[in-house]
Amino acid sequence: MSLRLASAIETLRTPGGELETRLFGADWGRIWATRNHIAHGYAFVSQDLIRETIRFNLPDFERILRAELDKLD
């Protein structure tokens, strides 16, 4: 779960940061920090924390991305 979450976050990063800032605003910093914790294994990444993140934050993350995709149609 952790690596897939980190990968999903990483795919959204753009060179200038315009997309992720527009979509997630101030939350992007926390989203990217989550990716860094997973990718670099800072200390220990709690699987409970990852599960909570997926359970409570992933639905909004997905909703934002789906809304952006709908604009492309």
PDB file of N, CA and C in Angstrom:
ATOM      1  N   MET A   1       0.817  -1.192   0.000  1.00  0.00           N
ATOM      2  CA  MET A   1       0.000   0.000   0.000  1.00  0.00           C
ATOM      3  C   MET A   1       0.857   1.250   0.000  1.00  0.00           C
ATOM      4  N   SER A   2       1.879   1.267   0.808  1.00  0.00           N
ATOM      5  CA  SER A   2       2.697   2.466   0.968  1.00  0.00           C
ATOM      6  C   SER A   2       3.349   2.892  -0.332  1.00  0.00           C
ATOM      7  N   LEU A   3       3.961   1.944  -1.023  1.00  0.00           N
ATOM      8  CA  LEU A   3       4.667   2.293  -2.252  1.00  0.00           C
ATOM      9  C   LEU A   3       3.710   2.731  -3.354  1.00  0.00           C
ATOM     10  N   ARG A   4       2.548   2.150  -3.397  1.00  0.00           N
ATOM     11  CA  ARG A   4       1.552   2.579  -4.392  1.00  0.00           C
ATOM     12  C   ARG A   4       1.072   3.991  -4.101  1.00  0.00           C
ATOM     13  N   LEU A   5       0.869   4.289  -2.834  1.00  0.00           N
ATOM     14  CA  LEU A   5       0.471   5.642  -2.456  1.00  0.00           C
ATOM     15  C   LEU A   5       1.566   6.635  -2.833  1.00  0.00           C
ATOM     16  N   ALA A   6       2.806   6.308  -2.519  1.00  0.00           N
ATOM     17  CA  ALA A   6       3.928   7.191  -2.859  1.00  0.00           C
ATOM     18  C   ALA A   6       4.021   7.384  -4.367  1.00  0.00           C
ATOM     19  N   SER A   7       3.825   6.328  -5.121  1.00  0.00           N
ATOM     20  CA  SER A   7       3.886   6.405  -6.577  1.00  0.00           C
ATOM     21  C   SER A   7       2.772   7.287  -7.129  1.00  0.00           C
ATOM     22  N   ALA A   8       1.575   7.136  -6.594  1.00  0.00           N
ATOM     23  CA  ALA A   8       0.447   7.960  -7.040  1.00  0.00           C
ATOM     24  C   ALA A   8       0.730   9.438  -6.801  1.00  0.00           C
ATOM     25  N   ILE A   9       1.286   9.743  -5.652  1.00  0.00           N
ATOM     26  CA  ILE A   9       1.618  11.131  -5.327  1.00  0.00           C
ATOM     27  C   ILE A   9       2.703  11.642  -6.271  1.00  0.00           C
ATOM     28  N   GLU A  10       3.710  10.836  -6.484  1.00  0.00           N
ATOM     29  CA  GLU A  10       4.844  11.252  -7.316  1.00  0.00           C
ATOM     30  C   GLU A  10       4.434  11.536  -8.755  1.00  0.00           C
ATOM     31  N   THR A  11       3.460  10.795  -9.280  1.00  0.00           N
ATOM     32  CA  THR A  11       3.041  11.012 -10.667  1.00  0.00           C
ATOM     33  C   THR A  11       2.409  12.376 -10.874  1.00  0.00           C
ATOM     34  N   LEU A  12       1.951  13.004  -9.811  1.00  0.00           N
ATOM     35  CA  LEU A  12       1.302  14.309  -9.934  1.00  0.00           C
ATOM     36  C   LEU A  12       2.270  15.481  -9.885  1.00  0.00           C
ATOM     37  N   ARG A  13       3.493  15.230  -9.520  1.00  0.00           N
ATOM     38  CA  ARG A  13       4.453  16.326  -9.383  1.00  0.00           C
ATOM     39  C   ARG A  13       4.882  16.822 -10.759  1.00  0.00           C
ATOM     40  N   THR A  14       4.788  18.131 -10.948  1.00  0.00           N
ATOM     41  CA  THR A  14       5.188  18.749 -12.205  1.00  0.00           C
ATOM     42  C   THR A  14       6.410  19.621 -11.966  1.00  0.00           C
ATOM     43  N   PRO A  15       7.223  19.856 -13.006  1.00  0.00           N
ATOM     44  CA  PRO A  15       8.452  20.640 -12.823  1.00  0.00           C
ATOM     45  C   PRO A  15       8.226  22.011 -12.184  1.00  0.00           C
ATOM     46  N   GLY A  16       7.203  22.714 -12.601  1.00  0.00           N
ATOM     47  CA  GLY A  16       6.962  24.044 -12.048  1.00  0.00           C
ATOM     48  C   GLY A  16       6.040  24.057 -10.848  1.00  0.00           C
ATOM     49  N   GLY A  17       5.402  22.932 -10.574  1.00  0.00           N
ATOM     50  CA  GLY A  17       4.505  22.830  -9.432  1.00  0.00           C
ATOM     51  C   GLY A  17       3.129  23.429  -9.635  1.00  0.00           C
ATOM     52  N   GLU A  18       2.810  23.841 -10.863  1.00  0.00           N
ATOM     53  CA  GLU A  18       1.533  24.516 -11.091  1.00  0.00           C
ATOM     54  C   GLU A  18       0.328  23.602 -10.886  1.00  0.00           C
ATOM     55  N   LEU A  19       0.399  22.393 -11.431  1.00  0.00           N
ATOM     56  CA  LEU A  19      -0.747  21.486 -11.362  1.00  0.00           C
ATOM     57  C   LEU A  19      -1.079  21.111  -9.927  1.00  0.00           C
ATOM     58  N   GLU A  20      -0.100  20.618  -9.204  1.00  0.00           N
ATOM     59  CA  GLU A  20      -0.370  20.162  -7.844  1.00  0.00           C
ATOM     60  C   GLU A  20      -0.790  21.307  -6.927  1.00  0.00           C
ATOM     61  N   THR A  21      -0.231  22.486  -7.144  1.00  0.00           N
ATOM     62  CA  THR A  21      -0.630  23.641  -6.334  1.00  0.00           C
ATOM     63  C   THR A  21      -2.062  24.038  -6.660  1.00  0.00           C
ATOM     64  N   ARG A  22      -2.404  24.032  -7.939  1.00  0.00           N
ATOM     65  CA  ARG A  22      -3.769  24.391  -8.335  1.00  0.00           C
ATOM     66  C   ARG A  22      -4.781  23.387  -7.797  1.00  0.00           C
ATOM     67  N   LEU A  23      -4.444  22.107  -7.860  1.00  0.00           N
ATOM     68  CA  LEU A  23      -5.390  21.079  -7.431  1.00  0.00           C
ATOM     69  C   LEU A  23      -5.499  20.947  -5.920  1.00  0.00           C
ATOM     70  N   PHE A  24      -4.371  21.035  -5.222  1.00  0.00           N
ATOM     71  CA  PHE A  24      -4.365  20.708  -3.797  1.00  0.00           C
ATOM     72  C   PHE A  24      -4.009  21.871  -2.881  1.00  0.00           C
ATOM     73  N   GLY A  25      -3.596  22.991  -3.458  1.00  0.00           N
ATOM     74  CA  GLY A  25      -3.290  24.176  -2.663  1.00  0.00           C
ATOM     75  C   GLY A  25      -2.289  23.891  -1.559  1.00  0.00           C
ATOM     76  N   ALA A  26      -2.581  24.417  -0.383  1.00  0.00           N
ATOM     77  CA  ALA A  26      -1.678  24.278   0.765  1.00  0.00           C
ATOM     78  C   ALA A  26      -1.512  22.828   1.207  1.00  0.00           C
ATOM     79  N   ASP A  27      -2.458  21.974   0.874  1.00  0.00           N
ATOM     80  CA  ASP A  27      -2.357  20.560   1.259  1.00  0.00           C
ATOM     81  C   ASP A  27      -1.240  19.832   0.517  1.00  0.00           C
ATOM     82  N   TRP A  28      -0.802  20.386  -0.620  1.00  0.00           N
ATOM     83  CA  TRP A  28       0.220  19.686  -1.398  1.00  0.00           C
ATOM     84  C   TRP A  28       1.486  19.437  -0.583  1.00  0.00           C
ATOM     85  N   GLY A  29       1.888  20.376   0.240  1.00  0.00           N
ATOM     86  CA  GLY A  29       3.089  20.189   1.059  1.00  0.00           C
ATOM     87  C   GLY A  29       2.979  18.968   1.953  1.00  0.00           C
ATOM     88  N   ARG A  30       1.827  18.781   2.560  1.00  0.00           N
ATOM     89  CA  ARG A  30       1.613  17.608   3.420  1.00  0.00           C
ATOM     90  C   ARG A  30       1.544  16.328   2.593  1.00  0.00           C
ATOM     91  N   ILE A  31       0.937  16.427   1.419  1.00  0.00           N
ATOM     92  CA  ILE A  31       0.858  15.262   0.536  1.00  0.00           C
ATOM     93  C   ILE A  31       2.260  14.836   0.118  1.00  0.00           C
ATOM     94  N   TRP A  32       3.082  15.804  -0.284  1.00  0.00           N
ATOM     95  CA  TRP A  32       4.447  15.484  -0.718  1.00  0.00           C
ATOM     96  C   TRP A  32       5.286  14.981   0.456  1.00  0.00           C
ATOM     97  N   ALA A  33       5.065  15.517   1.639  1.00  0.00           N
ATOM     98  CA  ALA A  33       5.792  15.044   2.821  1.00  0.00           C
ATOM     99  C   ALA A  33       5.462  13.581   3.103  1.00  0.00           C
ATOM    100  N   THR A  34       4.213  13.195   2.884  1.00  0.00           N
ATOM    101  CA  THR A  34       3.826  11.794   3.050  1.00  0.00           C
ATOM    102  C   THR A  34       4.601  10.922   2.071  1.00  0.00           C
ATOM    103  N   ARG A  35       4.701  11.373   0.832  1.00  0.00           N
ATOM    104  CA  ARG A  35       5.470  10.641  -0.171  1.00  0.00           C
ATOM    105  C   ARG A  35       6.921  10.509   0.255  1.00  0.00           C
ATOM    106  N   ASN A  36       7.502  11.587   0.756  1.00  0.00           N
ATOM    107  CA  ASN A  36       8.903  11.556   1.188  1.00  0.00           C
ATOM    108  C   ASN A  36       9.117  10.581   2.336  1.00  0.00           C
ATOM    109  N   HIS A  37       8.202  10.568   3.282  1.00  0.00           N
ATOM    110  CA  HIS A  37       8.331   9.637   4.408  1.00  0.00           C
ATOM    111  C   HIS A  37       8.330   8.192   3.920  1.00  0.00           C
ATOM    112  N   ILE A  38       7.461   7.908   2.971  1.00  0.00           N
ATOM    113  CA  ILE A  38       7.388   6.549   2.438  1.00  0.00           C
ATOM    114  C   ILE A  38       8.633   6.236   1.607  1.00  0.00           C
ATOM    115  N   ALA A  39       8.957   7.118   0.676  1.00  0.00           N
ATOM    116  CA  ALA A  39      10.036   6.854  -0.278  1.00  0.00           C
ATOM    117  C   ALA A  39      11.406   6.779   0.374  1.00  0.00           C
ATOM    118  N   HIS A  40      11.619   7.604   1.384  1.00  0.00           N
ATOM    119  CA  HIS A  40      12.940   7.661   2.003  1.00  0.00           C
ATOM    120  C   HIS A  40      13.003   6.931   3.339  1.00  0.00           C
ATOM    121  N   GLY A  41      11.866   6.362   3.750  1.00  0.00           N
ATOM    122  CA  GLY A  41      11.841   5.574   4.970  1.00  0.00           C
ATOM    123  C   GLY A  41      12.270   6.319   6.214  1.00  0.00           C
ATOM    124  N   TYR A  42      11.899   7.597   6.300  1.00  0.00           N
ATOM    125  CA  TYR A  42      12.253   8.383   7.478  1.00  0.00           C
ATOM    126  C   TYR A  42      11.819   7.632   8.733  1.00  0.00           C
ATOM    127  N   ALA A  43      12.810   7.283   9.526  1.00  0.00           N
ATOM    128  CA  ALA A  43      12.576   6.536  10.766  1.00  0.00           C
ATOM    129  C   ALA A  43      11.731   5.299  10.459  1.00  0.00           C
ATOM    130  N   PHE A  44      10.470   5.393  10.704  1.00  0.00           N
ATOM    131  CA  PHE A  44       9.571   4.262  10.523  1.00  0.00           C
ATOM    132  C   PHE A  44       8.236   4.806  10.041  1.00  0.00           C
ATOM    133  N   VAL A  45       7.713   4.252   8.984  1.00  0.00           N
ATOM    134  CA  VAL A  45       6.413   4.671   8.474  1.00  0.00           C
ATOM    135  C   VAL A  45       5.370   3.722   9.037  1.00  0.00           C
ATOM    136  N   SER A  46       4.517   4.243   9.859  1.00  0.00           N
ATOM    137  CA  SER A  46       3.477   3.449  10.495  1.00  0.00           C
ATOM    138  C   SER A  46       2.444   2.993   9.462  1.00  0.00           C
ATOM    139  N   GLN A  47       2.245   1.699   9.372  1.00  0.00           N
ATOM    140  CA  GLN A  47       1.233   1.174   8.460  1.00  0.00           C
ATOM    141  C   GLN A  47      -0.166   1.594   8.899  1.00  0.00           C
ATOM    142  N   ASP A  48      -0.352   1.792  10.194  1.00  0.00           N
ATOM    143  CA  ASP A  48      -1.643   2.298  10.670  1.00  0.00           C
ATOM    144  C   ASP A  48      -1.889   3.702  10.126  1.00  0.00           C
ATOM    145  N   LEU A  49      -0.849   4.519  10.116  1.00  0.00           N
ATOM    146  CA  LEU A  49      -0.969   5.873   9.579  1.00  0.00           C
ATOM    147  C   LEU A  49      -1.273   5.829   8.083  1.00  0.00           C
ATOM    148  N   ILE A  50      -0.627   4.931   7.366  1.00  0.00           N
ATOM    149  CA  ILE A  50      -0.889   4.788   5.932  1.00  0.00           C
ATOM    150  C   ILE A  50      -2.332   4.355   5.705  1.00  0.00           C
ATOM    151  N   ARG A  51      -2.807   3.386   6.474  1.00  0.00           N
ATOM    152  CA  ARG A  51      -4.200   2.932   6.349  1.00  0.00           C
ATOM    153  C   ARG A  51      -5.173   4.072   6.626  1.00  0.00           C
ATOM    154  N   GLU A  52      -4.898   4.847   7.670  1.00  0.00           N
ATOM    155  CA  GLU A  52      -5.757   5.990   8.014  1.00  0.00           C
ATOM    156  C   GLU A  52      -5.746   7.021   6.887  1.00  0.00           C
ATOM    157  N   THR A  53      -4.577   7.274   6.339  1.00  0.00           N
ATOM    158  CA  THR A  53      -4.458   8.227   5.233  1.00  0.00           C
ATOM    159  C   THR A  53      -5.283   7.760   4.045  1.00  0.00           C
ATOM    160  N   ILE A  54      -5.164   6.488   3.710  1.00  0.00           N
ATOM    161  CA  ILE A  54      -5.918   5.940   2.587  1.00  0.00           C
ATOM    162  C   ILE A  54      -7.412   5.985   2.874  1.00  0.00           C
ATOM    163  N   ARG A  55      -7.786   5.626   4.056  1.00  0.00           N
ATOM    164  CA  ARG A  55      -9.206   5.574   4.416  1.00  0.00           C
ATOM    165  C   ARG A  55      -9.855   6.951   4.435  1.00  0.00           C
ATOM    166  N   PHE A  56      -9.169   7.924   5.017  1.00  0.00           N
ATOM    167  CA  PHE A  56      -9.793   9.225   5.230  1.00  0.00           C
ATOM    168  C   PHE A  56      -9.412  10.293   4.205  1.00  0.00           C
ATOM    169  N   ASN A  57      -8.253  10.199   3.596  1.00  0.00           N
ATOM    170  CA  ASN A  57      -7.806  11.252   2.686  1.00  0.00           C
ATOM    171  C   ASN A  57      -7.859  10.872   1.213  1.00  0.00           C
ATOM    172  N   LEU A  58      -7.732   9.598   0.921  1.00  0.00           N
ATOM    173  CA  LEU A  58      -7.719   9.176  -0.477  1.00  0.00           C
ATOM    174  C   LEU A  58      -9.020   9.497  -1.217  1.00  0.00           C
ATOM    175  N   PRO A  59     -10.192   9.380  -0.585  1.00  0.00           N
ATOM    176  CA  PRO A  59     -11.417   9.733  -1.314  1.00  0.00           C
ATOM    177  C   PRO A  59     -11.410  11.175  -1.833  1.00  0.00           C
ATOM    178  N   ASP A  60     -10.960  12.130  -1.024  1.00  0.00           N
ATOM    179  CA  ASP A  60     -10.887  13.520  -1.489  1.00  0.00           C
ATOM    180  C   ASP A  60      -9.837  13.681  -2.574  1.00  0.00           C
ATOM    181  N   PHE A  61      -8.708  13.023  -2.408  1.00  0.00           N
ATOM    182  CA  PHE A  61      -7.628  13.039  -3.394  1.00  0.00           C
ATOM    183  C   PHE A  61      -8.163  12.550  -4.738  1.00  0.00           C
ATOM    184  N   GLU A  62      -8.869  11.439  -4.704  1.00  0.00           N
ATOM    185  CA  GLU A  62      -9.437  10.866  -5.928  1.00  0.00           C
ATOM    186  C   GLU A  62     -10.501  11.781  -6.525  1.00  0.00           C
ATOM    187  N   ARG A  63     -11.353  12.352  -5.683  1.00  0.00           N
ATOM    188  CA  ARG A  63     -12.411  13.247  -6.160  1.00  0.00           C
ATOM    189  C   ARG A  63     -11.820  14.440  -6.911  1.00  0.00           C
ATOM    190  N   ILE A  64     -10.761  15.027  -6.368  1.00  0.00           N
ATOM    191  CA  ILE A  64     -10.108  16.167  -7.007  1.00  0.00           C
ATOM    192  C   ILE A  64      -9.544  15.762  -8.366  1.00  0.00           C
ATOM    193  N   LEU A  65      -8.902  14.607  -8.417  1.00  0.00           N
ATOM    194  CA  LEU A  65      -8.321  14.148  -9.680  1.00  0.00           C
ATOM    195  C   LEU A  65      -9.392  13.823 -10.713  1.00  0.00           C
ATOM    196  N   ARG A  66     -10.475  13.193 -10.277  1.00  0.00           N
ATOM    197  CA  ARG A  66     -11.555  12.866 -11.222  1.00  0.00           C
ATOM    198  C   ARG A  66     -12.204  14.135 -11.770  1.00  0.00           C
ATOM    199  N   ALA A  67     -12.372  15.138 -10.925  1.00  0.00           N
ATOM    200  CA  ALA A  67     -12.939  16.412 -11.383  1.00  0.00           C
ATOM    201  C   ALA A  67     -12.035  17.054 -12.433  1.00  0.00           C
ATOM    202  N   GLU A  68     -10.735  16.972 -12.224  1.00  0.00           N
ATOM    203  CA  GLU A  68      -9.786  17.514 -13.202  1.00  0.00           C
ATOM    204  C   GLU A  68      -9.855  16.733 -14.512  1.00  0.00           C
ATOM    205  N   LEU A  69      -9.962  15.418 -14.429  1.00  0.00           N
ATOM    206  CA  LEU A  69     -10.081  14.602 -15.643  1.00  0.00           C
ATOM    207  C   LEU A  69     -11.369  14.900 -16.399  1.00  0.00           C
ATOM    208  N   ASP A  70     -12.454  15.148 -15.665  1.00  0.00           N
ATOM    209  CA  ASP A  70     -13.727  15.474 -16.310  1.00  0.00           C
ATOM    210  C   ASP A  70     -13.622  16.755 -17.131  1.00  0.00           C
ATOM    211  N   LYS A  71     -12.784  17.678 -16.709  1.00  0.00           N
ATOM    212  CA  LYS A  71     -12.600  18.934 -17.452  1.00  0.00           C
ATOM    213  C   LYS A  71     -11.941  18.691 -18.803  1.00  0.00           C
ATOM    214  N   LEU A  72     -11.213  17.597 -18.920  1.00  0.00           N
ATOM    215  CA  LEU A  72     -10.515  17.295 -20.165  1.00  0.00           C
ATOM    216  C   LEU A  72     -11.433  16.702 -21.224  1.00  0.00           C
ATOM    217  N   ASP A  73     -12.579  16.196 -20.795  1.00  0.00           N
ATOM    218  CA  ASP A  73     -13.522  15.574 -21.750  1.00  0.00           C
ATOM    219  C   ASP A  73     -14.298  16.596 -22.528  1.00  0.00           C
TER     220      ASP A  73
END
